[in-house]
Protein backbone atom coordinates (compact mmCIF):
# COMPACT_ATOMS: atom_id res chain seq x y z
CA MET A 1 -19.26 -3.13 11.03
CA LYS A 2 -16.75 -5.97 10.74
CA GLU A 3 -14.08 -6.89 13.24
CA THR A 4 -10.64 -8.38 12.67
CA ALA A 5 -9.29 -11.26 14.72
CA PHE A 6 -7.46 -8.66 16.84
CA THR A 7 -10.23 -6.09 17.43
CA ALA A 8 -10.86 -7.13 21.04
CA LYS A 9 -7.14 -6.74 21.79
CA HIS A 10 -7.10 -3.16 20.45
CA ILE A 11 -10.09 -2.23 22.58
CA ALA A 12 -8.57 -3.86 25.67
CA LEU A 13 -5.38 -1.85 25.11
CA GLY A 14 -7.35 1.40 25.02
CA ALA A 15 -7.01 2.21 21.33
CA LYS A 16 -9.17 4.91 19.80
CA MET A 17 -11.36 2.93 17.39
CA VAL A 18 -12.84 4.26 14.13
CA PRO A 19 -14.73 2.80 11.15
CA PHE A 20 -12.30 2.07 8.28
CA ALA A 21 -13.12 0.14 5.10
CA GLY A 22 -16.09 -1.39 6.87
CA TYR A 23 -14.02 -2.53 9.86
CA ASN A 24 -13.71 -1.31 13.45
CA MET A 25 -10.02 -0.35 13.46
CA PRO A 26 -7.55 1.36 15.83
CA VAL A 27 -6.57 4.83 14.60
CA GLU A 28 -4.20 5.53 17.51
CA TYR A 29 -3.16 4.29 20.95
CA VAL A 30 -1.12 7.11 22.56
CA GLY A 31 -0.86 9.63 19.71
CA ILE A 32 -0.09 9.59 16.00
CA ASN A 33 3.19 11.52 16.14
CA ASP A 34 4.57 9.40 18.96
CA GLU A 35 3.57 6.16 17.26
CA HIS A 36 4.99 7.38 13.95
CA GLN A 37 8.40 8.10 15.48
CA HIS A 38 8.40 4.77 17.31
CA VAL A 39 8.07 2.88 14.01
CA ARG A 40 10.77 5.01 12.36
CA ASN A 41 13.20 4.36 15.23
CA ALA A 42 12.28 0.99 16.78
CA VAL A 43 9.43 -1.45 16.02
CA GLY A 44 5.66 -1.27 15.92
CA VAL A 45 2.83 -3.62 14.98
CA PHE A 46 -0.12 -2.79 12.75
CA ASP A 47 -3.22 -4.95 12.47
CA VAL A 48 -3.76 -5.20 8.71
CA SER A 49 -6.08 -8.19 8.82
CA HIS A 50 -8.69 -6.15 6.96
CA MET A 51 -6.67 -6.52 3.74
CA GLY A 52 -7.94 -8.97 1.14
CA GLU A 53 -6.25 -12.14 -0.12
CA ILE A 54 -7.18 -13.80 -3.41
CA TRP A 55 -5.57 -16.97 -4.77
CA VAL A 56 -5.03 -17.56 -8.49
CA LYS A 57 -4.04 -21.13 -9.33
CA GLY A 58 -3.54 -23.45 -12.29
CA PRO A 59 -1.65 -23.50 -15.61
CA LYS A 60 -3.32 -20.25 -16.75
CA ALA A 61 -2.62 -18.39 -13.49
CA LEU A 62 0.31 -16.35 -14.80
CA ALA A 63 -1.44 -15.46 -18.05
CA PHE A 64 -4.44 -14.27 -16.04
CA VAL A 65 -2.34 -12.17 -13.66
CA GLN A 66 -0.48 -10.66 -16.62
CA TYR A 67 -3.72 -9.66 -18.33
CA VAL A 68 -5.44 -8.07 -15.33
CA SER A 69 -2.40 -6.23 -13.93
CA SER A 70 -0.10 -3.48 -15.20
CA ASN A 71 3.29 -4.84 -14.08
CA ASP A 72 5.18 -7.76 -15.64
CA ALA A 73 4.61 -10.74 -13.34
CA SER A 74 6.66 -13.01 -15.62
CA VAL A 75 9.83 -11.74 -13.90
CA LEU A 76 8.67 -13.18 -10.57
CA VAL A 77 10.23 -16.37 -9.28
CA PRO A 78 8.94 -18.34 -6.29
CA GLY A 79 9.50 -16.27 -3.16
CA LYS A 80 9.30 -12.89 -4.90
CA ALA A 81 6.56 -10.27 -4.55
CA GLN A 82 5.65 -7.34 -6.77
CA TYR A 83 3.68 -4.09 -6.50
CA THR A 84 1.19 -3.56 -9.31
CA CYS A 85 -2.34 -2.40 -10.09
CA PHE A 86 -5.54 -3.44 -11.87
CA PRO A 87 -6.31 -1.15 -14.86
CA ASN A 88 -10.09 -0.80 -15.10
CA GLY A 89 -10.58 -0.82 -18.88
CA LYS A 90 -11.52 2.87 -18.89
CA GLY A 91 -8.13 4.42 -18.23
CA GLY A 92 -8.39 4.28 -14.43
CA ILE A 93 -7.32 1.99 -11.59
CA VAL A 94 -9.56 -0.62 -9.93
CA ASP A 95 -7.03 -1.07 -7.11
CA ASP A 96 -3.32 -1.29 -6.36
CA PHE A 97 -2.10 -4.55 -4.85
CA LEU A 98 0.74 -6.98 -4.21
CA VAL A 99 1.21 -10.20 -6.14
CA TYR A 100 3.14 -13.08 -4.56
CA CYS A 101 4.59 -15.87 -6.70
CA VAL A 102 4.34 -19.07 -4.65
CA ASP A 103 5.23 -21.23 -7.65
CA SER A 104 4.68 -21.20 -11.42
CA VAL A 105 1.00 -22.09 -11.04
CA THR A 106 0.14 -20.37 -7.74
CA TYR A 107 -0.15 -16.62 -7.09
CA LEU A 108 -1.52 -14.71 -4.11
CA LEU A 109 -3.01 -11.26 -4.69
CA VAL A 110 -3.20 -8.97 -1.64
CA VAL A 111 -5.70 -6.16 -2.19
CA ASN A 112 -7.03 -3.16 -0.29
CA ALA A 113 -9.73 -3.78 2.31
CA ALA A 114 -12.22 -1.28 0.91
CA ASN A 115 -11.94 -2.85 -2.56
CA ILE A 116 -12.18 -6.58 -1.83
CA GLU A 117 -15.67 -7.01 -3.29
CA LYS A 118 -14.98 -4.69 -6.23
CA ASP A 119 -11.69 -6.44 -7.02
CA TRP A 120 -13.27 -9.88 -6.72
CA ASN A 121 -16.09 -8.94 -9.11
CA HIS A 122 -13.58 -7.45 -11.55
CA LEU A 123 -11.46 -10.61 -11.51
CA CYS A 124 -14.49 -12.88 -11.83
CA ALA A 125 -15.56 -10.95 -14.94
CA GLN A 126 -12.19 -11.67 -16.57
CA ALA A 127 -11.80 -15.25 -15.33
CA PRO A 128 -13.80 -17.02 -18.13
CA LYS A 129 -11.33 -15.75 -20.76
CA PHE A 130 -8.69 -17.93 -19.09
CA GLY A 131 -10.87 -20.86 -18.08
CA LEU A 132 -10.66 -19.99 -14.39
CA THR A 133 -13.60 -20.87 -12.16
CA PRO A 134 -14.42 -18.50 -9.27
CA GLY A 135 -14.35 -20.50 -6.07
CA LYS A 136 -11.89 -22.96 -7.59
CA GLU A 137 -8.81 -21.69 -9.51
CA LEU A 138 -9.79 -18.16 -8.46
CA TYR A 139 -10.48 -18.13 -4.74
CA ASN A 140 -11.26 -15.32 -2.29
CA ALA A 141 -9.59 -16.32 0.98
CA SER A 142 -9.85 -12.90 2.66
CA ASP A 143 -11.88 -14.15 5.63
CA GLU A 144 -9.41 -16.96 6.31
CA PHE A 145 -6.34 -14.80 6.94
CA CYS A 146 -5.18 -12.57 9.75
CA GLN A 147 -2.22 -10.30 9.12
CA LEU A 148 0.20 -8.29 11.23
CA ALA A 149 2.64 -5.73 9.79
CA VAL A 150 5.69 -5.61 12.05
CA GLN A 151 7.51 -2.48 10.93
CA GLY A 152 10.65 -0.57 11.91
CA PRO A 153 14.44 -1.00 11.90
CA LEU A 154 14.30 -3.56 14.75
CA ALA A 155 11.39 -5.58 13.35
CA LEU A 156 13.30 -8.40 11.65
CA LYS A 157 15.72 -8.73 14.56
CA ALA A 158 12.75 -9.23 16.88
CA MET A 159 11.00 -11.72 14.60
CA GLN A 160 14.20 -13.73 14.09
CA LYS A 161 13.74 -14.98 17.67
CA LEU A 162 10.61 -16.88 16.58
CA THR A 163 12.01 -18.94 13.70
CA ASP A 164 15.00 -21.05 12.69
CA GLU A 165 14.80 -19.64 9.15
CA ASN A 166 17.05 -16.69 8.35
CA VAL A 167 14.74 -13.66 8.11
CA VAL A 168 17.05 -10.78 9.05
CA ASP A 169 18.89 -11.10 5.72
CA MET A 170 15.81 -11.41 3.51
CA GLU A 171 15.76 -9.01 0.57
CA TYR A 172 13.06 -6.38 0.18
CA TYR A 173 9.90 -7.73 -1.50
CA THR A 174 10.67 -11.40 -0.90
CA PHE A 175 8.74 -13.90 1.18
CA LYS A 176 9.00 -17.35 2.73
CA LYS A 177 6.53 -19.93 3.95
CA LEU A 178 7.85 -20.83 7.38
CA LYS A 179 6.99 -21.66 10.98
CA LEU A 180 6.94 -18.66 13.30
CA ALA A 181 6.62 -19.68 16.93
CA GLY A 182 5.32 -22.99 15.58
CA ILE A 183 2.65 -21.27 13.46
CA ASP A 184 2.49 -21.75 9.68
CA VAL A 185 2.83 -18.30 8.13
CA ILE A 186 3.73 -16.43 4.98
CA PHE A 187 6.55 -14.11 6.08
CA SER A 188 7.00 -11.20 3.68
CA THR A 189 9.56 -8.38 3.76
CA THR A 190 7.06 -5.85 2.50
CA GLY A 191 5.33 -2.94 4.20
CA TYR A 192 3.73 0.46 3.79
CA THR A 193 5.98 2.55 6.03
CA GLY A 194 9.43 2.77 4.45
CA ALA A 195 10.86 1.81 7.84
CA GLY A 196 11.71 -1.80 7.02
CA GLY A 197 10.19 -4.89 8.57
CA CYS A 198 7.74 -7.55 7.51
CA GLU A 199 4.14 -8.52 7.00
CA ILE A 200 3.00 -11.83 8.48
CA TYR A 201 0.03 -13.78 7.08
CA ALA A 202 -1.51 -16.54 9.18
CA SER A 203 -4.77 -18.42 9.61
CA VAL A 204 -7.37 -16.57 11.67
CA ASN A 205 -7.38 -19.66 13.91
CA ASP A 206 -3.79 -18.82 14.92
CA SER A 207 -4.42 -15.12 15.61
CA ASP A 208 -4.16 -15.27 19.41
CA ALA A 209 -0.95 -17.31 19.31
CA LEU A 210 0.55 -15.03 16.66
CA TRP A 211 -0.22 -11.83 18.59
CA LYS A 212 1.23 -13.28 21.81
CA ALA A 213 4.40 -14.55 20.13
CA VAL A 214 5.09 -11.32 18.21
CA PHE A 215 4.75 -9.10 21.27
CA GLU A 216 6.75 -11.41 23.53
CA ALA A 217 9.59 -11.58 20.99
CA GLY A 218 9.58 -7.81 20.53
CA GLU A 219 9.39 -6.88 24.22
CA GLU A 220 13.15 -6.35 24.61
CA PHE A 221 13.07 -4.07 21.55
CA GLY A 222 10.23 -1.90 22.89
CA ILE A 223 7.59 -3.26 20.51
CA ARG A 224 4.25 -1.43 20.59
CA PRO A 225 0.89 -1.65 18.79
CA ILE A 226 0.42 1.18 16.29
CA GLY A 227 -2.76 2.65 14.82
CA LEU A 228 -3.78 3.49 11.27
CA GLY A 229 -3.14 7.20 11.81
CA ALA A 230 0.61 6.67 11.97
CA ARG A 231 0.41 4.19 9.10
CA ASP A 232 -0.97 7.04 6.98
CA THR A 233 1.69 9.60 7.96
CA LEU A 234 4.47 7.03 7.50
CA ARG A 235 3.32 6.09 4.00
CA LEU A 236 2.87 9.73 3.02
CA GLU A 237 6.43 10.61 4.05
CA MET A 238 7.53 7.96 1.53
CA GLY A 239 5.18 9.22 -1.19
CA PHE A 240 3.27 5.91 -1.30
CA CYS A 241 -0.17 6.15 -2.93
CA LEU A 242 -3.35 5.57 -0.95
CA TYR A 243 -6.25 4.17 -2.94
CA GLY A 244 -9.28 6.43 -2.74
CA ASN A 245 -7.09 9.50 -2.16
CA ASP A 246 -4.19 9.51 -4.61
CA ILE A 247 -5.42 6.90 -7.08
CA ASP A 248 -8.88 5.69 -8.05
CA ASP A 249 -11.05 4.69 -10.99
CA SER A 250 -10.48 8.09 -12.64
CA THR A 251 -6.65 8.19 -12.45
CA SER A 252 -4.39 6.27 -14.81
CA PRO A 253 -1.21 4.55 -13.59
CA LEU A 254 0.87 6.92 -15.71
CA GLU A 255 -0.84 10.00 -14.28
CA ALA A 256 -0.26 8.60 -10.79
CA GLY A 257 3.48 8.33 -11.37
CA LEU A 258 3.21 4.55 -11.58
CA GLY A 259 4.86 4.20 -14.97
CA TRP A 260 7.45 2.03 -13.22
CA ILE A 261 4.79 -0.63 -12.63
CA THR A 262 3.29 -0.28 -16.12
CA LYS A 263 5.18 -2.47 -18.60
CA PHE A 264 4.79 -2.65 -22.37
CA ASN A 265 7.53 -5.19 -23.17
CA ASP A 266 7.04 -8.39 -25.19
CA ALA A 267 7.16 -10.64 -22.11
CA LYS A 268 4.28 -8.66 -20.62
CA GLY A 269 2.12 -8.91 -23.73
CA ASP A 270 -1.45 -7.68 -23.81
CA PHE A 271 -3.21 -6.41 -20.72
CA ILE A 272 -6.28 -4.36 -19.85
CA ASP A 273 -5.88 -0.74 -21.05
CA ARG A 274 -2.54 -1.43 -22.77
CA ASP A 275 -3.48 0.49 -25.92
CA PHE A 276 -4.99 3.36 -23.95
CA LEU A 277 -1.90 3.70 -21.77
CA LEU A 278 0.47 3.45 -24.75
CA ALA A 279 -1.44 6.27 -26.44
CA GLN A 280 -1.44 8.36 -23.26
CA LYS A 281 2.31 7.87 -22.95
CA ALA A 282 2.89 8.86 -26.58
CA GLU A 283 0.66 11.93 -26.42
CA GLY A 284 2.08 13.15 -23.12
CA LEU A 285 0.33 13.58 -19.79
CA LYS A 286 -2.02 16.49 -19.21
CA ARG A 287 -1.76 16.08 -15.44
CA LYS A 288 0.35 14.11 -12.99
CA LEU A 289 0.53 13.24 -9.31
CA VAL A 290 3.43 15.14 -7.74
CA GLY A 291 4.88 15.60 -4.30
CA PHE A 292 5.23 19.03 -2.76
CA GLU A 293 6.61 20.68 0.36
CA LEU A 294 5.09 23.82 1.82
CA ILE A 295 7.36 26.83 2.18
CA ASP A 296 4.74 28.96 3.95
CA ARG A 297 3.27 27.86 7.26
CA GLY A 298 0.18 25.68 7.07
CA VAL A 299 -0.99 22.11 6.55
CA PRO A 300 -2.33 20.81 3.21
CA ARG A 301 -5.37 18.56 3.31
CA HIS A 302 -7.15 16.25 0.88
CA GLY A 303 -9.33 18.27 -1.50
CA TYR A 304 -7.55 21.62 -1.18
CA ASP A 305 -7.05 23.53 -4.43
CA ILE A 306 -3.59 23.86 -5.95
CA CYS A 307 -3.05 27.15 -7.80
CA ASN A 308 -0.33 28.98 -9.71
CA ALA A 309 1.14 32.32 -8.68
CA ALA A 310 -1.76 34.13 -10.37
CA GLY A 311 -4.25 32.19 -8.25
CA GLU A 312 -5.49 30.11 -11.19
CA LEU A 313 -6.60 26.54 -10.41
CA ILE A 314 -4.06 23.95 -11.63
CA GLY A 315 -4.96 20.90 -9.54
CA HIS A 316 -5.98 19.45 -6.19
CA VAL A 317 -4.31 18.01 -3.10
CA THR A 318 -4.94 14.28 -2.67
CA SER A 319 -2.98 13.69 0.56
CA GLY A 320 -1.30 16.06 3.00
CA THR A 321 0.08 16.20 6.52
CA MET A 322 2.60 17.79 8.84
CA SER A 323 5.48 15.32 8.64
CA PRO A 324 6.27 14.01 12.14
CA SER A 325 9.82 13.08 11.07
CA MET A 326 10.74 16.33 9.30
CA LYS A 327 8.46 18.83 11.04
CA LYS A 328 7.40 20.27 7.70
CA ALA A 329 4.16 20.12 5.73
CA VAL A 330 4.18 17.76 2.74
CA GLY A 331 1.60 16.40 0.36
CA LEU A 332 0.65 14.77 -2.92
CA GLY A 333 -1.61 16.21 -5.57
CA TYR A 334 -2.45 16.26 -9.25
CA VAL A 335 -1.24 19.29 -11.20
CA SER A 336 -1.40 20.28 -14.86
CA ALA A 337 1.52 19.58 -17.18
CA ASP A 338 3.26 22.96 -16.80
CA TYR A 339 3.85 22.32 -13.09
CA MET A 340 4.93 18.67 -13.04
CA LYS A 341 8.69 19.21 -12.85
CA ALA A 342 10.57 19.22 -9.55
CA GLY A 343 11.28 22.76 -8.46
CA SER A 344 8.02 24.16 -9.86
CA GLU A 345 6.41 26.76 -7.63
CA VAL A 346 2.79 26.09 -6.72
CA TYR A 347 0.36 27.43 -4.14
CA ILE A 348 -2.00 25.54 -1.85
CA LYS A 349 -5.26 27.35 -1.21
CA VAL A 350 -6.12 27.20 2.50
CA ARG A 351 -9.36 29.07 3.08
CA ASP A 352 -8.67 32.40 1.32
CA ARG A 353 -4.89 32.23 1.56
CA LEU A 354 -2.43 30.96 -1.04
CA LEU A 355 0.44 29.16 0.67
CA LYS A 356 3.64 28.83 -1.35
CA ALA A 357 4.93 25.30 -1.99
CA VAL A 358 7.52 23.66 -4.22
CA VAL A 359 7.19 20.45 -6.23
CA VAL A 360 9.66 17.78 -5.05
CA ARG A 361 10.28 14.17 -5.95
CA PRO A 362 9.20 11.73 -3.20
CA PRO A 363 10.17 10.20 -0.89
CA PHE A 364 10.01 13.29 1.32
CA TYR A 365 11.72 11.47 4.18
CA LYS A 366 15.17 10.25 3.16
CA GLY A 367 15.94 8.44 6.43
């Protein structure tokens, strides 16, 4: 099992450690609900060094990114980031990821930890079409980065203490290369919590200095380390997809409600699965990922059946939890076309009981 540059620190702080995406990761420190609320109301730090980073460089970099991804990267200017996904050529999703435009010939792709090898192989298979050489113009730098996600309404105020650059006024999904406590970093106003904040990319060689600086700067704001358990409940309250649960190689971006990152305009041009997705859009979806809130008491879990009032199977839960912020049970799941609209009544099968729920449009937590 792999370790991140911060694993020893989690263990020293008493975190409950679990295997995740091949890494030894902290799932919680003092309790998921408590950590969740701390990020919503103050500032917390997640170790996300297990994520993958892949560089795409050269005059064909943009054309390559456009072809392998669903969103239109041509709208990006230096300093802008974008959420997108890799269509797999069979109507499914290889992975969802972030693309950072450093300049017109340099892009950084940030991918999910569990999919680094799969994503890399997928990109290498497409690289020859654009004259890109793996290890050169296409470069897997995942082992060279450490990354901390500093999240919460006080996160940017805390991090502003470490740099002369203005970070508190940065727009959502923008980034800067800057010095943070004297460390060269990529400072990005992105995150997976819906609570605001940033993600900081640095060399693994600077991990100790980065950790020390971040926690010293955040001390007056009550900064705390946070585990992956709260990261999951935070993202679910926002309706953010989790690869392997809500999206995978068998779900299309349109079915997953990711039509907003699937572009068919002229600037986008051709991309993997374009014709398939255009046809799926024209024919209409037979199923779709929806959000739901339970009306009856209970907690939905991944894999539970979703039924109609007659008890007939209409889909499955992909993610579910008791929302720490709202104290109500919420979830995501795929349902057949007749039940996709907000307000539709559905039932979650828990053991032999059918618990009433209603389809709602995420985010569940409005803040």
